[in-house]
Each structure stands twice: as structure tokens, then as C-alpha cells.
Protein backbone atom coordinates (compact mmCIF):
# COMPACT_ATOMS: atom_id res chain seq x y z
CA MET A 1 -43.07 -7.67 -6.83
CA ALA A 2 -39.64 -8.94 -5.51
CA LYS A 3 -38.68 -7.78 -2.24
CA GLN A 4 -36.53 -4.94 -2.17
CA PRO A 5 -32.73 -6.04 -0.96
CA MET A 6 -31.27 -2.78 -0.62
CA LEU A 7 -31.72 0.70 1.45
CA LYS A 8 -31.97 -1.32 4.97
CA PHE A 9 -29.30 1.11 6.61
CA VAL A 10 -32.29 2.25 8.83
CA GLN A 11 -33.33 -1.30 9.75
CA ILE A 12 -29.69 -2.79 10.05
CA GLN A 13 -26.74 -1.07 11.88
CA ARG A 14 -22.96 -1.20 10.46
CA ASP A 15 -21.21 -4.05 12.02
CA MET A 16 -18.05 -4.88 10.98
CA PRO A 17 -16.34 -8.40 10.98
CA GLU A 18 -15.34 -9.44 14.51
CA LYS A 19 -11.89 -8.20 15.68
CA ARG A 20 -9.72 -10.49 17.70
CA ASP A 21 -9.07 -9.40 21.44
CA ALA A 22 -5.88 -7.30 21.68
CA GLN A 23 -4.56 -9.62 24.10
CA VAL A 24 -4.80 -12.34 21.84
CA ARG A 25 -3.91 -10.83 18.49
CA ASN A 26 -0.92 -9.25 20.12
CA ALA A 27 0.75 -12.64 20.10
CA ASP A 28 0.79 -13.34 16.58
CA PHE A 29 0.86 -11.75 12.96
CA ASP A 30 -2.07 -12.82 11.84
CA GLU A 31 -4.79 -10.65 10.49
CA ILE A 32 -6.99 -9.12 12.78
CA TYR A 33 -10.41 -8.95 11.61
CA ALA A 34 -12.30 -12.29 11.07
CA GLU A 35 -14.25 -13.17 7.78
CA TYR A 36 -17.78 -12.34 7.13
CA ALA A 37 -20.19 -15.12 6.94
CA ARG A 38 -22.16 -15.10 3.71
CA ALA A 39 -25.46 -13.92 5.47
CA LYS A 40 -23.54 -11.02 7.37
CA ALA A 41 -21.94 -10.14 3.99
CA GLU A 42 -25.29 -9.83 2.36
CA GLU A 43 -27.06 -7.87 5.27
CA GLN A 44 -24.32 -5.62 5.50
CA ALA A 45 -24.11 -4.78 1.53
CA SER A 46 -28.26 -4.27 1.86
CA ARG A 47 -27.38 -1.22 3.80
CA CYS A 48 -26.14 0.80 0.80
CA SER A 49 -28.64 3.58 -0.23
CA GLN A 50 -27.87 3.14 -4.19
CA CYS A 51 -27.19 6.78 -4.42
CA GLY A 52 -27.95 8.48 -7.74
CA VAL A 53 -24.56 10.03 -7.37
CA PRO A 54 -22.22 7.39 -5.56
CA TYR A 55 -19.66 9.21 -3.70
CA CYS A 56 -17.76 6.06 -2.61
CA GLN A 57 -17.20 4.94 -6.38
CA THR A 58 -16.35 9.03 -7.21
CA HIS A 59 -13.99 9.20 -3.98
CA CYS A 60 -12.22 5.47 -5.44
CA PRO A 61 -8.92 6.10 -7.31
CA LEU A 62 -9.99 3.13 -9.40
CA HIS A 63 -13.73 4.11 -9.67
CA ASN A 64 -14.80 0.94 -8.83
CA ASN A 65 -18.57 0.18 -9.27
CA ILE A 66 -19.32 -0.29 -5.55
CA PRO A 67 -23.27 0.41 -5.52
CA ASP A 68 -23.75 -2.53 -7.82
CA TRP A 69 -21.64 -5.04 -6.86
CA LEU A 70 -22.69 -4.43 -2.87
CA ARG A 71 -26.54 -4.78 -4.34
CA LEU A 72 -25.36 -8.42 -6.32
CA THR A 73 -23.76 -9.62 -2.94
CA ALA A 74 -27.08 -8.65 -1.17
CA MET A 75 -29.10 -10.77 -3.38
CA GLY A 76 -26.76 -13.46 -3.02
CA ARG A 77 -25.32 -13.25 -6.69
CA LEU A 78 -21.36 -13.68 -5.50
CA ARG A 79 -19.93 -14.81 -8.86
CA GLU A 80 -21.29 -11.82 -10.61
CA ALA A 81 -20.47 -9.30 -7.88
CA TYR A 82 -16.80 -10.72 -8.22
CA GLU A 83 -16.68 -10.29 -11.69
CA LEU A 84 -17.60 -6.63 -11.73
CA SER A 85 -15.40 -5.86 -8.84
CA GLN A 86 -12.12 -7.36 -10.60
CA ALA A 87 -13.17 -5.49 -13.73
CA THR A 88 -11.86 -2.38 -12.29
CA ASN A 89 -9.44 -3.36 -9.71
CA THR A 90 -6.79 -5.99 -10.24
CA PHE A 91 -6.30 -6.88 -6.30
CA PRO A 92 -9.68 -6.28 -4.94
CA GLU A 93 -9.05 -8.50 -2.09
CA ILE A 94 -5.71 -6.54 -1.14
CA CYS A 95 -7.21 -3.42 -1.47
CA GLY A 96 -10.11 -4.37 0.72
CA ARG A 97 -7.66 -5.31 3.52
CA ILE A 98 -5.14 -2.08 3.22
CA CYS A 99 -7.26 0.64 1.80
CA PRO A 100 -7.77 3.73 3.97
CA GLN A 101 -11.49 3.38 3.51
CA ASP A 102 -12.00 5.82 6.30
CA ARG A 103 -10.40 8.34 3.83
CA LEU A 104 -12.01 7.10 0.50
CA CYS A 105 -15.01 5.06 -0.36
CA GLU A 106 -16.60 4.88 3.11
CA GLY A 107 -15.32 8.33 4.55
CA ASN A 108 -17.41 9.49 1.84
CA CYS A 109 -20.68 7.14 1.99
CA VAL A 110 -23.83 9.20 2.09
CA ILE A 111 -25.47 7.27 4.62
CA GLU A 112 -22.22 8.27 6.88
CA THR A 113 -23.33 11.85 6.66
CA SER A 114 -26.78 11.03 7.48
CA GLY A 115 -25.54 9.66 10.49
CA HIS A 116 -26.49 5.90 10.14
CA GLY A 117 -22.81 4.67 9.65
CA THR A 118 -21.08 3.79 6.54
CA VAL A 119 -21.53 0.95 4.57
CA THR A 120 -18.92 -1.73 5.43
CA ILE A 121 -17.49 -1.37 2.02
CA GLY A 122 -13.70 -2.65 2.24
CA SER A 123 -15.12 -6.16 4.29
CA VAL A 124 -17.52 -6.91 1.78
CA GLU A 125 -14.94 -5.92 -1.15
CA LYS A 126 -12.65 -8.77 0.89
CA TYR A 127 -15.23 -10.96 1.42
CA ILE A 128 -16.06 -11.16 -2.18
CA THR A 129 -12.78 -11.83 -3.92
CA ASP A 130 -11.92 -14.18 -0.84
CA THR A 131 -14.99 -16.53 -1.60
CA ALA A 132 -14.31 -16.17 -5.42
CA TRP A 133 -10.62 -17.59 -4.68
CA ASP A 134 -12.34 -20.42 -2.27
CA GLN A 135 -14.67 -21.16 -5.30
CA GLY A 136 -12.12 -21.31 -7.78
CA TRP A 137 -13.70 -18.36 -10.13
CA VAL A 138 -9.91 -16.45 -9.94
CA GLU A 139 -8.27 -17.79 -13.33
CA PRO A 140 -4.72 -16.61 -14.32
CA PRO A 141 -4.36 -14.39 -17.71
CA SER A 142 -5.43 -16.37 -20.64
CA PRO A 143 -5.24 -14.27 -23.90
CA ALA A 144 -7.36 -15.34 -26.66
CA GLN A 145 -4.20 -14.47 -28.74
CA GLU A 146 -0.79 -14.30 -28.19
CA ARG A 147 0.83 -10.93 -29.51
CA PRO A 148 4.62 -10.28 -30.60
CA GLU A 149 5.07 -7.39 -28.69
CA SER A 150 7.01 -7.48 -25.12
CA VAL A 151 6.93 -4.95 -22.01
CA GLY A 152 9.45 -4.82 -19.26
CA ILE A 153 8.53 -3.71 -16.06
CA ILE A 154 10.98 -2.89 -13.56
CA GLY A 155 9.39 -3.39 -10.21
CA ALA A 156 7.37 -5.89 -8.96
CA GLY A 157 4.98 -3.88 -6.67
CA PRO A 158 1.32 -3.33 -7.16
CA GLY A 159 1.44 -0.90 -9.75
CA GLY A 160 4.01 -3.11 -12.10
CA LEU A 161 1.90 -5.76 -10.95
CA ALA A 162 -1.49 -4.52 -12.35
CA ALA A 163 0.25 -3.40 -15.42
CA ALA A 164 1.81 -6.76 -16.08
CA ASP A 165 -2.06 -8.55 -15.42
CA MET A 166 -3.64 -5.99 -17.77
CA LEU A 167 -0.93 -6.56 -20.45
CA ARG A 168 -0.91 -10.63 -20.38
CA ARG A 169 -4.48 -10.91 -20.41
CA ALA A 170 -4.25 -8.78 -24.31
CA GLY A 171 -1.40 -11.15 -25.09
CA VAL A 172 1.57 -8.94 -24.81
CA GLN A 173 4.76 -10.89 -23.47
CA VAL A 174 5.97 -9.29 -20.05
CA THR A 175 9.14 -9.77 -17.85
CA VAL A 176 9.09 -7.97 -14.28
CA TYR A 177 12.43 -7.24 -12.82
CA ASP A 178 12.37 -6.87 -9.45
CA ARG A 179 15.62 -6.70 -6.94
CA TYR A 180 13.83 -8.65 -3.94
CA ASP A 181 13.62 -12.32 -3.92
CA ARG A 182 9.89 -12.37 -3.95
CA ALA A 183 7.33 -10.27 -5.73
CA GLY A 184 5.07 -7.98 -4.37
CA GLY A 185 7.07 -5.05 -3.26
CA LEU A 186 5.74 -3.05 -0.21
CA MET A 187 3.01 -5.78 -0.13
CA THR A 188 5.37 -8.37 0.73
CA TYR A 189 7.83 -6.79 2.51
CA GLY A 190 6.63 -3.32 3.71
CA ILE A 191 2.95 -4.20 5.18
CA PRO A 192 2.81 -6.67 8.08
CA GLY A 193 1.27 -9.79 8.14
CA PHE A 194 -1.92 -8.54 10.46
CA LYS A 195 -2.65 -5.94 7.83
CA LEU A 196 -2.00 -8.21 4.83
CA GLU A 197 -1.30 -11.73 5.16
CA LYS A 198 1.33 -13.06 2.73
CA PRO A 199 -0.48 -16.10 1.39
CA VAL A 200 -2.72 -13.56 -0.07
CA VAL A 201 -0.22 -11.74 -1.89
CA MET A 202 1.88 -14.81 -3.08
CA ARG A 203 -1.45 -16.66 -4.81
CA ARG A 204 -1.37 -13.46 -7.15
CA ASN A 205 2.23 -13.66 -7.86
CA LYS A 206 1.51 -17.32 -8.58
CA GLN A 207 -1.48 -16.45 -10.94
CA LEU A 208 0.87 -13.94 -12.74
CA GLU A 209 3.06 -16.66 -13.34
CA GLU A 210 0.86 -19.44 -14.53
CA GLY A 211 -0.60 -16.51 -16.94
CA GLY A 212 2.91 -16.43 -18.48
CA VAL A 213 4.17 -13.58 -16.96
CA THR A 214 8.40 -13.92 -16.51
CA PHE A 215 9.62 -12.78 -13.13
CA ARG A 216 13.34 -11.96 -13.13
CA LEU A 217 14.02 -11.55 -9.00
CA ASN A 218 16.91 -10.81 -7.03
CA CYS A 219 17.86 -8.68 -10.35
CA THR A 220 19.10 -5.06 -9.68
CA VAL A 221 18.93 -2.74 -12.36
CA GLY A 222 22.10 -0.85 -12.71
CA GLU A 223 24.31 -3.61 -11.27
CA ASP A 224 22.79 -7.03 -12.77
CA ILE A 225 21.35 -6.06 -15.96
CA SER A 226 21.40 -2.11 -17.21
CA PHE A 227 18.73 0.26 -17.99
CA GLU A 228 19.36 0.13 -21.94
CA GLU A 229 19.83 -3.32 -21.66
CA ILE A 230 16.07 -3.76 -20.74
CA ARG A 231 15.18 -1.16 -23.16
CA ASP A 232 16.88 -2.83 -26.25
CA ALA A 233 14.77 -6.21 -25.25
CA HIS A 234 11.51 -4.70 -25.23
CA ASP A 235 8.89 -2.56 -27.26
CA ALA A 236 8.10 -0.80 -24.05
CA VAL A 237 9.30 -0.47 -20.59
CA ILE A 238 7.62 0.14 -17.41
CA ILE A 239 9.30 2.11 -14.23
CA ALA A 240 7.26 1.16 -11.42
CA THR A 241 10.24 1.07 -8.75
CA GLY A 242 8.32 2.78 -6.09
CA VAL A 243 10.07 4.99 -3.51
CA TYR A 244 12.60 3.27 -0.98
CA LYS A 245 14.82 5.93 0.17
CA SER A 246 13.77 6.89 3.62
CA ARG A 247 13.93 10.63 4.64
CA ASP A 248 16.36 10.86 7.42
CA LEU A 249 16.25 12.86 10.59
CA LYS A 250 19.24 15.03 11.85
CA GLY A 251 20.16 16.02 15.21
CA PRO A 252 22.85 15.33 17.82
CA GLY A 253 23.25 11.74 18.23
CA SER A 254 21.50 10.81 14.99
CA GLY A 255 24.00 8.40 13.85
CA ALA A 256 23.77 6.45 17.39
CA LYS A 257 23.25 2.61 17.17
CA GLY A 258 19.81 1.95 17.87
CA ILE A 259 18.36 4.33 15.39
CA VAL A 260 16.87 2.20 12.39
CA LYS A 261 14.80 3.05 9.12
CA ALA A 262 11.30 1.65 9.27
CA ILE A 263 11.87 0.06 5.94
CA ASP A 264 14.79 -2.15 7.20
CA TYR A 265 12.68 -2.94 10.55
CA LEU A 266 9.36 -4.13 8.69
CA THR A 267 11.19 -5.59 5.99
CA ALA A 268 13.36 -8.00 8.77
CA SER A 269 10.07 -8.38 10.70
CA ASN A 270 7.80 -9.57 7.48
CA ARG A 271 10.82 -12.03 6.44
CA VAL A 272 11.01 -13.94 10.03
CA ALA A 273 7.53 -13.47 10.99
CA ASN A 274 5.72 -14.42 7.79
CA PHE A 275 8.45 -16.40 5.76
CA GLY A 276 10.33 -18.23 8.44
CA ASP A 277 13.55 -16.63 6.85
CA THR A 278 16.78 -15.97 8.79
CA VAL A 279 17.78 -12.36 8.99
CA ALA A 280 20.93 -11.53 10.59
CA GLU A 281 20.25 -8.10 12.11
CA TYR A 282 17.04 -9.72 13.42
CA GLU A 283 19.09 -12.44 15.51
CA SER A 284 21.47 -9.67 16.57
CA GLY A 285 18.68 -7.64 18.26
CA GLU A 286 19.24 -4.76 15.83
CA LEU A 287 16.09 -4.95 14.14
CA ASN A 288 13.96 -6.77 16.93
CA ALA A 289 12.39 -4.79 19.54
CA ALA A 290 11.85 -7.96 21.86
CA GLY A 291 12.38 -6.64 25.67
CA LYS A 292 13.42 -2.86 24.81
CA LYS A 293 11.63 0.53 24.98
CA VAL A 294 10.49 1.55 21.53
CA VAL A 295 10.18 4.96 20.17
CA VAL A 296 8.42 5.27 16.84
CA ILE A 297 9.08 8.65 15.31
CA GLY A 298 6.14 9.57 12.64
CA GLY A 299 2.37 9.84 12.23
CA GLY A 300 1.65 7.87 8.89
CA ASP A 301 0.79 4.47 8.21
CA THR A 302 4.37 3.40 8.12
CA ALA A 303 4.50 4.64 11.69
CA MET A 304 1.39 2.60 12.55
CA ASP A 305 2.73 -0.50 11.18
CA CYS A 306 5.86 -0.02 12.86
CA VAL A 307 4.32 0.49 16.58
CA ARG A 308 2.07 -2.52 15.95
CA THR A 309 4.90 -4.53 14.65
CA ALA A 310 7.00 -4.02 17.88
CA VAL A 311 3.98 -4.73 20.06
CA ARG A 312 4.40 -8.46 18.30
CA GLN A 313 7.72 -8.94 18.94
CA GLY A 314 7.36 -8.25 22.71
CA ALA A 315 8.71 -4.77 23.34
CA GLU A 316 8.80 -3.46 26.90
CA SER A 317 6.74 -0.33 25.76
CA VAL A 318 6.13 1.65 22.66
CA LYS A 319 5.63 5.15 22.16
CA CYS A 320 4.99 6.74 18.71
CA LEU A 321 5.97 10.75 18.55
CA TYR A 322 3.85 12.98 16.60
CA ARG A 323 4.68 16.68 15.71
CA ARG A 324 0.83 17.53 15.41
CA ASP A 325 -2.27 16.07 17.00
CA ARG A 326 -4.33 13.09 16.54
CA THR A 327 -6.32 15.16 14.20
CA ASN A 328 -4.16 16.21 11.61
CA MET A 329 -2.02 13.06 11.51
CA PRO A 330 -2.16 11.23 7.98
CA GLY A 331 -2.34 8.14 9.19
CA SER A 332 -5.52 6.16 9.34
CA GLN A 333 -7.77 6.71 12.14
CA ARG A 334 -8.69 3.11 12.21
CA GLU A 335 -5.05 2.03 12.60
CA VAL A 336 -4.33 4.98 15.45
CA ALA A 337 -7.27 3.10 17.62
CA ASN A 338 -6.19 -0.50 16.65
CA ALA A 339 -2.68 0.40 17.90
CA GLU A 340 -3.88 2.29 21.03
CA GLU A 341 -6.05 -1.45 21.89
CA GLU A 342 -2.67 -3.15 21.33
CA GLY A 343 -0.93 -0.87 24.03
CA VAL A 344 0.95 1.80 22.05
CA GLN A 345 0.94 5.15 23.52
CA PHE A 346 0.87 8.23 21.60
CA GLU A 347 2.65 11.52 22.43
CA TRP A 348 0.95 14.13 20.38
CA LEU A 349 2.56 17.14 19.42
CA THR A 350 6.06 16.35 20.22
CA ALA A 351 9.15 16.29 17.96
CA PRO A 352 12.52 14.86 18.60
CA GLN A 353 15.62 17.40 18.93
CA GLY A 354 18.89 14.85 19.25
CA PHE A 355 19.35 11.54 20.47
CA ALA A 356 21.34 10.45 23.90
CA GLY A 357 23.90 7.60 23.90
CA ASP A 358 26.47 6.20 21.49
CA THR A 359 24.22 3.13 21.73
CA VAL A 360 21.01 5.37 21.96
CA ASP A 361 19.10 4.99 25.17
CA GLY A 362 16.95 8.62 24.92
CA VAL A 363 15.24 10.54 22.74
CA MET A 364 15.45 14.56 23.13
CA VAL A 365 11.77 15.68 22.66
CA GLN A 366 10.56 19.11 22.54
CA ARG A 367 6.79 19.50 22.88
CA MET A 368 4.82 22.01 20.45
CA ARG A 369 1.54 23.71 19.58
CA LEU A 370 -0.03 24.26 16.69
CA GLY A 371 0.25 27.65 15.24
CA HIS A 372 -0.95 29.08 11.70
CA PRO A 373 -1.64 27.22 8.67
CA ASP A 374 1.30 26.35 6.54
CA ALA A 375 1.45 26.42 2.71
CA THR A 376 -0.65 22.80 2.65
CA GLY A 377 -3.40 24.59 4.84
CA ARG A 378 -2.34 22.39 8.00
CA GLN A 379 -1.40 24.18 11.46
CA ALA A 380 2.20 24.42 11.62
CA PRO A 381 3.71 22.99 14.82
CA GLU A 382 5.79 25.67 16.77
CA VAL A 383 8.12 24.93 19.49
CA ILE A 384 7.08 25.67 23.55
CA ASP A 385 10.03 27.08 24.91
CA GLY A 386 11.40 25.22 28.09
CA SER A 387 9.16 22.29 27.32
CA ASP A 388 12.23 19.84 26.74
CA TYR A 389 12.56 16.11 28.24
CA VAL A 390 14.06 13.04 27.49
CA GLU A 391 12.11 9.89 26.28
CA ASP A 392 13.87 6.81 26.95
CA ALA A 393 14.51 4.53 24.35
CA ASP A 394 16.54 1.35 23.46
CA LEU A 395 15.49 1.32 20.08
CA VAL A 396 14.29 4.14 17.79
CA ILE A 397 12.47 3.60 14.80
CA LYS A 398 12.42 6.47 12.17
CA ALA A 399 9.17 6.45 9.84
CA LEU A 400 9.31 9.89 8.23
CA GLY A 401 8.03 8.77 5.13
CA PHE A 402 9.86 7.92 1.60
CA GLU A 403 11.63 9.34 -0.98
CA PRO A 404 12.65 8.32 -4.60
CA GLU A 405 16.32 6.70 -5.28
CA ASP A 406 18.36 8.52 -7.82
CA LEU A 407 17.62 6.45 -10.80
CA GLN A 408 19.47 8.77 -13.17
CA THR A 409 22.81 8.07 -11.08
CA LEU A 410 22.09 4.09 -10.38
CA TRP A 411 20.84 3.33 -13.62
CA GLY A 412 23.54 5.35 -15.59
CA ALA A 413 20.65 7.07 -17.26
CA PRO A 414 21.14 10.97 -17.10
CA GLU A 415 18.23 11.28 -20.01
CA LEU A 416 15.71 10.08 -17.78
CA SER A 417 13.73 13.33 -16.84
CA VAL A 418 12.67 13.74 -13.00
CA THR A 419 11.34 16.54 -10.71
CA ARG A 420 13.07 18.63 -8.47
CA TRP A 421 11.78 15.98 -6.16
CA GLY A 422 13.33 13.07 -7.79
CA THR A 423 10.27 11.47 -9.12
CA VAL A 424 10.38 10.67 -12.63
CA LYS A 425 8.16 12.87 -15.05
CA ALA A 426 5.51 11.23 -16.64
CA ALA A 427 2.36 12.30 -18.33
CA PHE A 428 -1.03 12.28 -16.52
CA GLU A 429 -3.06 9.01 -16.98
CA THR A 430 -0.75 7.28 -19.60
CA GLY A 431 2.43 7.23 -17.53
CA ALA A 432 4.49 8.28 -20.77
CA THR A 433 7.92 9.56 -19.96
CA ASP A 434 10.23 11.94 -22.18
CA LEU A 435 11.97 8.92 -23.41
CA ASP A 436 10.36 7.20 -26.38
CA GLY A 437 8.44 3.94 -25.18
CA VAL A 438 9.28 4.36 -21.55
CA TYR A 439 6.57 4.72 -19.00
CA ALA A 440 6.62 5.29 -14.97
CA VAL A 441 3.50 4.53 -12.61
CA GLY A 442 3.03 4.59 -8.89
CA ASP A 443 5.11 6.18 -5.91
CA ILE A 444 8.12 6.76 -8.17
CA VAL A 445 6.04 9.57 -9.96
CA ARG A 446 3.49 10.55 -7.50
CA GLY A 447 5.80 10.30 -4.47
CA ALA A 448 4.66 8.16 -1.46
CA SER A 449 1.02 7.18 -1.83
CA LEU A 450 -1.29 4.57 -1.72
CA VAL A 451 -1.32 0.93 -2.93
CA VAL A 452 -4.83 1.48 -4.60
CA TRP A 453 -3.11 4.66 -6.39
CA ALA A 454 -0.54 2.25 -7.85
CA ILE A 455 -2.79 0.20 -9.15
CA ARG A 456 -4.66 2.83 -11.08
CA ASP A 457 -1.65 4.03 -12.78
CA GLY A 458 -0.67 0.32 -13.39
CA ARG A 459 -3.91 -0.04 -15.34
CA ASP A 460 -3.94 3.35 -17.20
CA CYS A 461 -0.11 2.97 -18.16
CA ALA A 462 -1.13 -0.56 -19.89
CA GLU A 463 -3.94 0.78 -21.50
CA ALA A 464 -1.86 3.43 -23.13
CA ILE A 465 0.71 1.08 -24.03
CA LEU A 466 -2.03 -1.19 -25.69
CA LYS A 467 -3.25 1.74 -27.82
CA ARG A 468 0.25 2.49 -29.15
CA PHE A 469 0.81 -1.27 -30.14
CA ASP A 470 -2.55 -1.31 -31.94
CA GLN A 471 -1.72 2.20 -33.73
CA ARG A 472 1.64 0.90 -34.92
CA SER A 473 -0.11 -2.67 -35.92
CA THR A 474 -2.45 -0.33 -37.93
CA THR A 475 0.24 2.12 -39.42
CA LYS A 476 2.20 -0.96 -40.63
CA ILE A 477 -0.57 -2.86 -42.33
CA ALA A 478 -1.78 0.37 -43.92
CA ALA A 479 1.72 0.58 -45.27
CA GLU A 480 1.88 -2.45 -46.76
């Protein structure tokens, strides 16, 4: 009888890939986790209990077949593991790096709830696909037959690229329009290299180009080309712009110099640190934390990206203000721990009330306590009277989340239906909007969300469009 390769969680402890020492990793923007060796990946995969009802799969937005590719990895059948992983996820090596596994698959692992420590799903997923790239198993889209239909995709982020990949594999002609000079959206310019090294994203962009996807970069809809022109040029259009409008912060002095938006700060850093671009605002110090007392306002993953970037830029000190406590923050607890190791100081239960100086030199802060639950079920923060103080700051970064831009106005498209929050109204699963042949996916529909949800939306939308094209073809043949 063959030796049982799985269910080893009792004998083998959870073991993450080695993490570089904070004092070393603070000096660069390289990823902080090392790669598993093959034996270690097989060992950690073998801890999976092969549940009858795999909650890891259920709580993955893509419903990845996690238990099966863990089993294949444990057995050393890595190519099969990769092919199974790729079947449901367009970018598994990216999700393995940046998904909040502690809130999704790993956070719902059965052996975690039994006290044995979750399976390191994300690290194994990353290892499988990195190995596939190294071995040449990852191939560009190569459709068996070309189709006459074309699809225009507005936005080269994860949702748009996932749809482009699926449509191109089916032989559809695909053009992606994006206002930036490189494809990838927030994966390229929003997420720092220490979480997602940029060659990982660039090789996916290259793969899509080699597979026949056309990219029109530095192309702003509403300026360089109209929305109607894109609609006229294609049989279907997918809106995948994401949400880039930063939520603002009011209060005395909120317009002072030295108060910047997280997206501007992270984009400048990524351009300089990862691509070697020259950014005037970085060179001038406006978007550079070097030698400064930095205060980041917010408690999500974007705030964590900002504080950890500021450390690497050589800030004198880095503090994060968040109005709730650690337990109630929306960001990944793993990212908070990494930030603390790197020297970031968190000021829990604090909220800014204003800013001092024409060029900011301090944040006026009020201490908070948690009161009764609000409409979301979370305890609402309440001000503690008389607790005001001033936090010294030379650079303040607002990481308060993102909202959709006003596409109706920017694109001259009042007929595009939006919600009261400004997100595009689109059908669940298909992404179809009220406009014939126009679809929408990702954050522009959901609001600011996760990369993995954008991938899911892009794949679902591509499937719906292919069904629409097939129905048209069938109807046309029947009519003839």
C-alpha cells in the first residue's frame, strides 16, 4: 500500500518560509519572505487534512481547489498542481503573495481551529506557480481558433487582465486601454515591492502581449479617446477602472503642505524604487519620507503599505493613527505584525481633528474609546473629552480608502447607471450593465476590495461575454 502523503498536521508543525530580519529588509524593497525549497513545500502541503467540506476552498473568492493541489504538491506532482491551480486563478503567484490568507483560506482552515496551526496555503500557492515559471510551464494564451468578435477593456488592473486572459484563450480579439504607462493597475503602482516584486507583474503583462492582447497605454478615456469610440470599436466593453479617488479628511489645516494622498505617495515610491523612474515630487521631498517624522492616518492594508514604505525610505519615525483598536482594524494582522517588527508605532484609538502649520508640523489628535456597535456591527469610536494632544509630523499620509471617480462626467456618459456611492450598477456574476454590450467588474462595482475578488469578477464576466457571443452565433446560423 502506498504511503499516506497527507494528514501530517499532528507530526509536522506549521512552518512559514523564512522571513528576512527586519534590520536587513528595511534597507530595500525586496519581498520579505524567502521561497520554499521543494522538500519544505511538500512537507507543509502534507499537513492538509483533506476535509470532506473544505472551508479553505469555500472561503476563497475563486473557490480554488486547494485540497487537491496541496495533495499533488505533497506527492511531488508539481506540474499537475500548477495546472489545477491555474484552472481557477489567472494569477496564482500574485494571490499567493498578496491575498489576506489570514482572513480567507488560511483563516478558515479546519486544523487551525483544532489548534494545530493552519496550512501555509498562500506560500505553497506561490511556490507552485513560481516553479511553473522557472520550468517553462506557463504559456501565453494560444487559442485553437481565432474568433471575429472583439472586446475593449478599460483598465489594466487584475479584473481587466483576468478577463483579457480568458477571452484571449477563447480566440476573442482583446484591446486593453489604460491611462498609466505600464499595465497592472494597483499591482504595479499601488502595492509595494516588498509585498509584490514588480517583475512578477511585468512577466504576466508580457505573457498577455505575447498571447495577442493589445495594450493601449497612456490612454485616458474621456481625453485621448471617448467612451463612445471604444463602444463603437468593439462588440463588448468591460469597465475595469478600479477606484482611485482618495477619501478626503476635513478639519483645520487640512490643506497644508506636507499632507499627501496614499495613492500618490505609493505610486511615486513604486516608480522610483522598482522601476528607476524619475519622479519630480519624490526628488523635491514632497512624496519622500527620508529624514521625516511620518504620520499615516488609516487602518487598512493601504495604510500598512504606507508605513512600511516610509520606513524603507529612511523616515526618522513612523506612526500610524487609527480610530479603533487593533482587534477592529480592517487591515491584515500579519501586515501589522510585519510593520511593528520594522519599527512602526501604532497609536490605537486615536483620530485626527486638524493639522498645525502652513507646512504641516503636527497632527491635532483626540483619543477615542469604543462604544456601542454601529450599523456595521462594529463598536463605534467615541471621543474622550479633554484627551487632545499634538503628534509631531513633517509628512502626513492620508490612507482612508478609495472611492469611484465620476465616470458619467469624466467620460461624458450620463447614460451609464451608477449607485448612490458612484459605483457602476452591474449584474451579479455577469457584470452586465444597463447599456447593451457594456460590462463592469472589480472595485468600480464593489467599491475598494481585494485583488482576488477583481480576478473572480473578471473571469465571471469573460464567461458571460463568451456565452453571449456563442448565442449570437447560434442565432445567426439558425437564421441563415
